[in-house]
């Protein structure tokens, strides 16, 4: 076994340059994907590892690459699996999954310097995607190491003929990173910030923490989001903290792992009608006027203080179309707000709702699907 290991080491040192550079690039691709594995589905990590391992086996034995038809079939399979896993091809999680799989599949077409450049740029985007999950110093270190390795591979691809050592290419990569630090500092300090990558996130954790569905495990992520969802100012003394409940999406259907909402009520053709509270809602105390500034969101829902009565005064008018409050006290709109929206209304923060509802009316709200959540049952 020792002789076999020594033989493999000698063979690696005497590999032709093209095969050596290909194997090094594949190693850097694997190192870039590795920190993302805790955030990826198990099948995604296994698929990427299998493809990169297959490509390394082909390079080690100088075997021919698969045909374009095989690559297209694998690409279609990855897109179908991603859509089936995430329910969409948009959003952060679906975007990172697809980017991981695309970089792995692109290695099967690694024939020229241009292909190596494409793999390099895909790897850089993938290294940046680490910050979509965590922004700790260890994440920054992993991103820097991945970028350095990928840049070393790019430097190798552009070096003249011969067999330049990896140390020389790594030195060129480090120097390029150091030269880029002043430009990076200028971009951070002098230029305005833009939205994050894949900001059309539809995984149940929007920028305001509001979504039309909520999956098990995403509540903790919402709690860690310190983004501003809304600002509110009450006329007079504010109510107690225990009464500051803002009713957003009401997710009343549960399939064992995902909560979803029922259909919105029919909205009027225009305007915001005056609506008294439902019969099963008991207002306590006087109505409390307030002004609320809502940040842009993705849902046609207004998260207003509990038991808000209409009509609503909206500025700018017409931004969200018509509005109506449902029987669950949730305010629906024709369209989601695409800009900051100023709302003036009054609410009963201490109102009671649903106290007279019978067991039949509450059955759907507490129903659990058969075969799921045995501990909850």
Protein backbone atom coordinates (compact mmCIF):
# COMPACT_ATOMS: atom_id res chain seq x y z
CA UNK A 1 0.00 0.00 0.00
CA UNK A 2 2.90 2.35 0.77
CA UNK A 3 4.42 1.65 -2.66
CA UNK A 4 1.05 2.45 -4.27
CA UNK A 5 0.87 5.80 -2.46
CA UNK A 6 4.42 6.71 -3.45
CA UNK A 7 3.68 5.76 -7.05
CA UNK A 8 0.57 7.94 -7.11
CA UNK A 9 2.54 10.89 -5.69
CA UNK A 10 5.29 10.52 -8.30
CA UNK A 11 2.68 10.28 -11.05
CA UNK A 12 0.93 13.45 -9.80
CA UNK A 13 4.22 15.34 -9.96
CA UNK A 14 4.90 14.14 -13.50
CA UNK A 15 1.40 14.73 -14.89
CA UNK A 16 1.21 16.89 -18.01
CA UNK A 17 0.49 20.49 -17.24
CA UNK A 18 -3.03 20.47 -18.67
CA UNK A 19 -4.10 17.59 -16.45
CA UNK A 20 -2.38 19.05 -13.41
CA UNK A 21 -4.07 22.43 -13.86
CA UNK A 22 -7.46 20.76 -14.40
CA UNK A 23 -7.12 18.70 -11.23
CA UNK A 24 -6.10 21.79 -9.26
CA UNK A 25 -9.12 23.73 -10.56
CA UNK A 26 -11.41 20.84 -9.61
CA UNK A 27 -9.91 20.82 -6.12
CA UNK A 28 -10.64 24.54 -5.78
CA UNK A 29 -14.22 23.99 -6.96
CA UNK A 30 -14.69 21.37 -4.25
CA UNK A 31 -13.15 23.69 -1.65
CA UNK A 32 -15.56 26.47 -2.70
CA UNK A 33 -18.61 24.22 -2.39
CA UNK A 34 -17.56 22.64 0.93
CA UNK A 35 -18.50 25.61 3.23
CA UNK A 36 -21.95 25.72 1.60
CA UNK A 37 -22.80 22.06 2.24
CA UNK A 38 -24.61 22.75 5.57
CA UNK A 39 -26.94 25.11 3.69
CA UNK A 40 -27.60 22.85 0.69
CA UNK A 41 -29.89 19.88 0.30
CA UNK A 42 -28.17 16.52 0.72
CA UNK A 43 -28.84 15.51 -2.89
CA UNK A 44 -27.29 18.76 -4.18
CA UNK A 45 -24.02 18.24 -2.32
CA UNK A 46 -23.88 14.57 -3.35
CA UNK A 47 -24.61 15.42 -6.99
CA UNK A 48 -21.92 18.13 -7.12
CA UNK A 49 -19.37 15.84 -5.43
CA UNK A 50 -20.16 13.01 -7.86
CA UNK A 51 -19.79 15.25 -10.92
CA UNK A 52 -16.51 16.79 -9.73
CA UNK A 53 -15.19 13.35 -8.77
CA UNK A 54 -16.18 11.99 -12.17
CA UNK A 55 -14.42 14.87 -13.91
CA UNK A 56 -11.28 14.31 -11.80
CA UNK A 57 -11.31 10.62 -12.76
CA UNK A 58 -11.53 11.57 -16.42
CA UNK A 59 -8.67 14.05 -16.10
CA UNK A 60 -6.44 11.67 -14.15
CA UNK A 61 -6.75 8.96 -16.78
CA UNK A 62 -6.79 11.36 -19.74
CA UNK A 63 -10.19 9.98 -20.75
CA UNK A 64 -12.57 11.74 -23.17
CA UNK A 65 -15.20 14.09 -21.80
CA UNK A 66 -18.92 13.22 -22.05
CA UNK A 67 -20.88 14.44 -25.03
CA UNK A 68 -23.08 17.51 -25.06
CA UNK A 69 -26.24 15.40 -24.97
CA UNK A 70 -25.23 13.83 -21.64
CA UNK A 71 -24.48 17.24 -20.15
CA UNK A 72 -27.87 18.60 -21.32
CA UNK A 73 -29.66 15.63 -19.72
CA UNK A 74 -27.83 16.23 -16.45
CA UNK A 75 -28.64 19.94 -16.61
CA UNK A 76 -32.35 19.24 -17.14
CA UNK A 77 -32.29 16.83 -14.21
CA UNK A 78 -30.69 19.40 -11.89
CA UNK A 79 -33.20 22.08 -12.87
CA UNK A 80 -36.11 19.68 -12.28
CA UNK A 81 -34.72 18.56 -8.92
CA UNK A 82 -34.18 22.16 -7.81
CA UNK A 83 -37.71 23.17 -8.81
CA UNK A 84 -39.12 20.14 -7.02
CA UNK A 85 -37.09 20.82 -3.88
CA UNK A 86 -37.65 24.57 -3.58
CA UNK A 87 -40.94 24.98 -5.46
CA UNK A 88 -39.36 27.75 -7.55
CA UNK A 89 -36.25 28.63 -9.53
CA UNK A 90 -36.07 32.12 -7.97
CA UNK A 91 -34.93 33.14 -4.54
CA UNK A 92 -31.79 32.73 -2.51
CA UNK A 93 -31.89 29.00 -1.82
CA UNK A 94 -32.85 28.01 -5.35
CA UNK A 95 -30.23 30.39 -6.75
CA UNK A 96 -27.40 28.99 -4.63
CA UNK A 97 -28.46 25.43 -5.42
CA UNK A 98 -28.50 26.08 -9.16
CA UNK A 99 -25.19 27.95 -9.05
CA UNK A 100 -23.54 25.03 -7.23
CA UNK A 101 -24.84 22.52 -9.75
CA UNK A 102 -24.00 24.68 -12.76
CA UNK A 103 -20.39 25.11 -11.66
CA UNK A 104 -20.06 21.36 -11.16
CA UNK A 105 -21.60 20.61 -14.57
CA UNK A 106 -19.44 23.22 -16.30
CA UNK A 107 -16.35 21.23 -15.34
CA UNK A 108 -17.58 18.51 -17.72
CA UNK A 109 -17.01 21.02 -20.56
CA UNK A 110 -13.57 22.10 -19.36
CA UNK A 111 -11.64 22.04 -22.63
CA UNK A 112 -10.15 25.51 -23.08
CA UNK A 113 -8.97 28.62 -21.28
CA UNK A 114 -12.37 30.19 -21.87
CA UNK A 115 -14.11 27.32 -20.07
CA UNK A 116 -11.70 27.70 -17.15
CA UNK A 117 -12.62 31.39 -16.98
CA UNK A 118 -16.33 30.56 -16.81
CA UNK A 119 -15.72 28.10 -13.98
CA UNK A 120 -13.64 30.75 -12.20
CA UNK A 121 -16.40 33.37 -12.31
CA UNK A 122 -19.06 30.86 -11.24
CA UNK A 123 -16.84 29.92 -8.32
CA UNK A 124 -16.40 33.58 -7.32
CA UNK A 125 -20.17 34.09 -7.26
CA UNK A 126 -20.50 30.92 -5.20
CA UNK A 127 -17.90 32.17 -2.72
CA UNK A 128 -19.87 35.41 -2.37
CA UNK A 129 -23.06 33.46 -1.73
CA UNK A 130 -21.59 32.35 1.61
CA UNK A 131 -22.42 35.81 2.95
CA UNK A 132 -26.11 35.23 2.21
CA UNK A 133 -26.13 32.81 5.14
CA UNK A 134 -23.50 34.13 7.53
CA UNK A 135 -21.20 37.15 7.80
CA UNK A 136 -18.84 35.95 10.51
CA UNK A 137 -15.03 36.23 10.30
CA UNK A 138 -14.78 32.51 9.54
CA UNK A 139 -17.10 32.98 6.57
CA UNK A 140 -14.95 35.84 5.31
CA UNK A 141 -11.83 33.68 5.72
CA UNK A 142 -13.43 30.82 3.77
CA UNK A 143 -14.44 33.22 0.97
CA UNK A 144 -10.93 34.71 0.79
CA UNK A 145 -9.28 31.29 0.64
CA UNK A 146 -11.69 30.08 -2.04
CA UNK A 147 -11.16 33.23 -4.10
CA UNK A 148 -7.38 32.92 -3.78
CA UNK A 149 -7.44 29.32 -4.96
CA UNK A 150 -9.72 30.13 -7.88
CA UNK A 151 -7.57 33.11 -8.83
CA UNK A 152 -4.52 30.83 -8.73
CA UNK A 153 -6.25 28.54 -11.21
CA UNK A 154 -7.02 31.51 -13.46
CA UNK A 155 -3.39 32.64 -13.28
CA UNK A 156 -2.26 29.16 -14.28
CA UNK A 157 -4.57 29.21 -17.29
CA UNK A 158 -3.02 32.47 -18.53
CA UNK A 159 0.63 31.63 -17.94
CA UNK A 160 2.79 30.88 -21.01
CA UNK A 161 3.68 27.41 -22.17
CA UNK A 162 5.85 25.26 -19.97
CA UNK A 163 5.21 24.00 -16.48
CA UNK A 164 5.04 26.99 -14.09
CA UNK A 165 4.94 25.90 -10.44
CA UNK A 166 1.80 26.36 -8.37
CA UNK A 167 3.75 28.60 -5.99
CA UNK A 168 4.38 31.11 -8.79
CA UNK A 169 0.69 31.19 -9.75
CA UNK A 170 -0.35 31.53 -6.11
CA UNK A 171 2.01 34.49 -5.71
CA UNK A 172 0.41 36.20 -8.71
CA UNK A 173 -3.04 35.56 -7.24
CA UNK A 174 -2.13 37.03 -3.84
CA UNK A 175 -0.60 40.11 -5.47
CA UNK A 176 -3.76 40.63 -7.52
CA UNK A 177 -5.89 40.42 -4.37
CA UNK A 178 -3.70 42.95 -2.59
CA UNK A 179 -3.88 45.33 -5.55
CA UNK A 180 -7.66 45.02 -5.47
CA UNK A 181 -8.03 45.97 -1.79
CA UNK A 182 -7.99 49.77 -2.38
CA UNK A 183 -10.66 49.42 -5.06
CA UNK A 184 -12.78 47.27 -2.74
CA UNK A 185 -12.44 49.83 0.07
CA UNK A 186 -13.48 52.62 -2.30
CA UNK A 187 -16.55 50.65 -3.40
CA UNK A 188 -17.61 50.05 0.21
CA UNK A 189 -17.01 53.60 1.45
CA UNK A 190 -17.88 55.81 -1.53
CA UNK A 191 -20.59 54.04 -3.50
CA UNK A 192 -24.21 53.43 -2.44
CA UNK A 193 -25.18 49.93 -1.37
CA UNK A 194 -27.28 47.87 -3.75
CA UNK A 195 -29.74 45.11 -3.00
CA UNK A 196 -28.50 41.64 -2.10
CA UNK A 197 -28.05 38.84 -4.60
CA UNK A 198 -31.27 36.99 -5.47
CA UNK A 199 -33.36 39.54 -3.56
CA UNK A 200 -36.55 37.96 -4.97
CA UNK A 201 -36.44 35.51 -2.11
CA UNK A 202 -39.49 33.29 -1.83
CA UNK A 203 -38.44 30.85 0.86
CA UNK A 204 -40.68 32.18 3.59
CA UNK A 205 -38.26 34.80 4.90
CA UNK A 206 -38.71 38.07 3.04
CA UNK A 207 -36.90 41.27 3.87
CA UNK A 208 -39.79 42.38 6.10
CA UNK A 209 -40.21 38.92 7.58
CA UNK A 210 -43.56 38.47 5.79
CA UNK A 211 -44.42 35.74 3.34
CA UNK A 212 -47.46 33.88 2.10
CA UNK A 213 -46.10 30.66 3.55
CA UNK A 214 -43.90 29.58 6.44
CA UNK A 215 -41.92 26.36 6.62
CA UNK A 216 -40.65 24.65 9.74
CA UNK A 217 -37.19 25.94 10.59
CA UNK A 218 -37.50 29.44 9.10
CA UNK A 219 -38.82 31.15 12.24
CA UNK A 220 -35.35 31.38 13.75
CA UNK A 221 -34.08 33.06 10.58
CA UNK A 222 -36.85 35.66 10.80
CA UNK A 223 -35.92 36.39 14.39
CA UNK A 224 -32.33 37.14 13.34
CA UNK A 225 -33.35 39.61 10.60
CA UNK A 226 -32.78 43.14 11.92
CA UNK A 227 -34.17 44.87 8.81
CA UNK A 228 -36.78 47.60 9.27
CA UNK A 229 -40.27 46.37 8.37
CA UNK A 230 -42.31 49.41 9.44
CA UNK A 231 -42.35 52.54 11.60
CA UNK A 232 -45.38 53.61 13.61
CA UNK A 233 -46.29 56.72 15.61
CA UNK A 234 -49.36 56.87 17.86
CA UNK A 235 -51.26 60.03 18.63
CA UNK A 236 -50.97 60.35 22.36
CA UNK A 237 -49.34 57.87 24.71
CA UNK A 238 -48.45 54.58 22.99
CA UNK A 239 -50.23 51.44 24.15
CA UNK A 240 -48.45 48.93 26.42
CA UNK A 241 -45.87 46.74 24.77
CA UNK A 242 -48.10 43.71 25.39
CA UNK A 243 -50.73 45.33 23.13
CA UNK A 244 -48.41 46.13 20.23
CA UNK A 245 -49.58 43.30 17.97
CA UNK A 246 -49.39 43.88 14.24
CA UNK A 247 -51.56 41.44 12.30
CA UNK A 248 -49.82 40.40 9.11
CA UNK A 249 -50.45 37.27 7.04
CA UNK A 250 -52.73 34.80 8.78
CA UNK A 251 -51.49 31.32 7.92
CA UNK A 252 -54.35 29.01 8.86
CA UNK A 253 -53.64 25.87 6.77
CA UNK A 254 -50.95 23.35 7.76
CA UNK A 255 -49.81 20.28 5.82
CA UNK A 256 -47.33 18.92 8.36
CA UNK A 257 -44.37 21.12 7.47
CA UNK A 258 -45.71 24.21 5.68
CA UNK A 259 -48.22 26.84 6.76
CA UNK A 260 -50.18 28.67 4.04
CA UNK A 261 -53.00 31.20 4.03
CA UNK A 262 -56.50 30.92 2.73
CA UNK A 263 -57.73 32.95 -0.22
CA UNK A 264 -58.07 36.73 0.09
CA UNK A 265 -61.54 38.27 0.23
CA UNK A 266 -63.05 39.92 -2.81
CA UNK A 267 -61.69 43.43 -3.12
CA UNK A 268 -63.72 46.44 -4.28
CA UNK A 269 -62.98 47.99 -7.64
CA UNK A 270 -61.51 51.06 -5.98
CA UNK A 271 -61.22 52.86 -2.70
CA UNK A 272 -61.00 51.69 0.91
CA UNK A 273 -64.48 51.21 2.35
CA UNK A 274 -65.34 52.01 5.93
CA UNK A 275 -65.61 48.69 7.71
CA UNK A 276 -66.74 48.17 11.28
CA UNK A 277 -65.19 45.36 13.24
CA UNK A 278 -66.69 41.88 12.74
CA UNK A 279 -69.42 40.77 15.11
CA UNK A 280 -67.10 38.38 16.95
CA UNK A 281 -64.55 41.16 17.59
CA UNK A 282 -65.00 43.07 20.86
CA UNK A 283 -63.25 46.48 20.92
CA UNK A 284 -61.91 47.38 24.36
CA UNK A 285 -61.16 50.99 25.14
CA UNK A 286 -61.17 53.89 22.75
CA UNK A 287 -59.81 53.80 19.22
CA UNK A 288 -56.16 54.81 19.04
CA UNK A 289 -55.18 56.89 15.97
CA UNK A 290 -51.77 56.17 14.47
CA UNK A 291 -49.57 56.81 11.44
CA UNK A 292 -47.58 53.91 10.02
CA UNK A 293 -44.87 53.90 7.34
CA UNK A 294 -44.59 50.47 5.72
CA UNK A 295 -41.47 49.45 3.82
CA UNK A 296 -41.82 47.72 0.41
CA UNK A 297 -42.90 44.10 0.65
CA UNK A 298 -43.75 41.08 -1.45
CA UNK A 299 -47.29 40.37 -0.25
CA UNK A 300 -50.60 42.15 -0.85
CA UNK A 301 -51.10 42.36 2.93
CA UNK A 302 -50.84 45.35 5.29
CA UNK A 303 -49.42 44.46 8.75
CA UNK A 304 -51.46 46.92 10.79
CA UNK A 305 -52.05 47.22 14.54
CA UNK A 306 -54.66 44.82 15.85
CA UNK A 307 -58.31 45.60 15.09
CA UNK A 308 -57.64 48.51 12.74
CA UNK A 309 -60.88 50.04 11.52
CA UNK A 310 -61.36 51.56 8.09
CA UNK A 311 -61.21 53.57 6.00
CA UNK A 312 -57.46 53.77 5.59
CA UNK A 313 -55.76 56.95 4.36
CA UNK A 314 -52.89 55.88 2.10
CA UNK A 315 -50.05 58.02 0.77
CA UNK A 316 -49.33 57.81 -2.09
CA UNK A 317 -52.87 56.83 -3.04
CA UNK A 318 -53.29 53.94 -5.44
CA UNK A 319 -49.92 52.33 -4.64
CA UNK A 320 -51.50 49.10 -3.43
CA UNK A 321 -54.88 49.42 -5.18
CA UNK A 322 -58.01 48.62 -3.21
CA UNK A 323 -57.95 47.42 0.40
CA UNK A 324 -60.31 45.26 2.45
CA UNK A 325 -60.20 43.66 5.86
CA UNK A 326 -61.12 39.98 6.08
CA UNK A 327 -63.05 38.23 8.82
CA UNK A 328 -59.70 37.29 10.40
CA UNK A 329 -58.84 41.02 10.81
CA UNK A 330 -56.17 40.75 8.10
CA UNK A 331 -55.99 43.71 5.69
CA UNK A 332 -55.61 42.64 2.06
CA UNK A 333 -54.65 44.78 -0.92
CA UNK A 334 -54.84 44.41 -4.68
CA UNK A 335 -51.06 44.45 -5.07
CA UNK A 336 -47.97 44.39 -2.89
CA UNK A 337 -46.40 47.77 -1.99
CA UNK A 338 -43.43 48.48 -4.23
CA UNK A 339 -42.39 51.64 -2.35
CA UNK A 340 -42.74 53.06 1.13
CA UNK A 341 -46.40 53.50 2.03
CA UNK A 342 -47.78 55.92 4.64
CA UNK A 343 -50.98 54.74 6.34
CA UNK A 344 -53.19 56.77 8.68
CA UNK A 345 -55.93 54.91 10.59
CA UNK A 346 -57.14 53.98 14.07
CA UNK A 347 -57.00 50.69 15.95
CA UNK A 348 -58.24 48.95 19.06
CA UNK A 349 -55.01 47.31 20.29
CA UNK A 350 -56.76 45.54 23.18
CA UNK A 351 -59.67 44.15 21.20
CA UNK A 352 -60.74 40.52 21.58
CA UNK A 353 -61.45 38.47 18.49
CA UNK A 354 -62.92 35.01 18.04
CA UNK A 355 -63.87 34.53 21.68
CA UNK A 356 -67.36 33.30 20.69
CA UNK A 357 -66.17 30.99 17.90
CA UNK A 358 -67.35 27.42 18.31
CA UNK A 359 -65.45 24.15 17.97
CA UNK A 360 -66.58 23.70 14.37
CA UNK A 361 -65.22 27.10 13.32
CA UNK A 362 -61.89 26.42 15.02
CA UNK A 363 -61.47 22.87 13.73
CA UNK A 364 -59.68 23.86 10.53
CA UNK A 365 -57.28 26.10 12.47
CA UNK A 366 -56.06 23.30 14.76
CA UNK A 367 -56.30 20.39 12.34
CA UNK A 368 -53.15 18.34 11.71
CA UNK A 369 -52.81 16.11 8.65
CA UNK A 370 -52.86 12.35 9.34
CA UNK A 371 -49.48 10.71 9.63
CA UNK A 372 -47.63 13.90 10.63
CA UNK A 373 -46.49 15.50 13.87
CA UNK A 374 -47.22 12.59 16.25
CA UNK A 375 -45.64 14.41 19.22
CA UNK A 376 -47.86 17.43 18.63
CA UNK A 377 -50.92 15.19 18.50
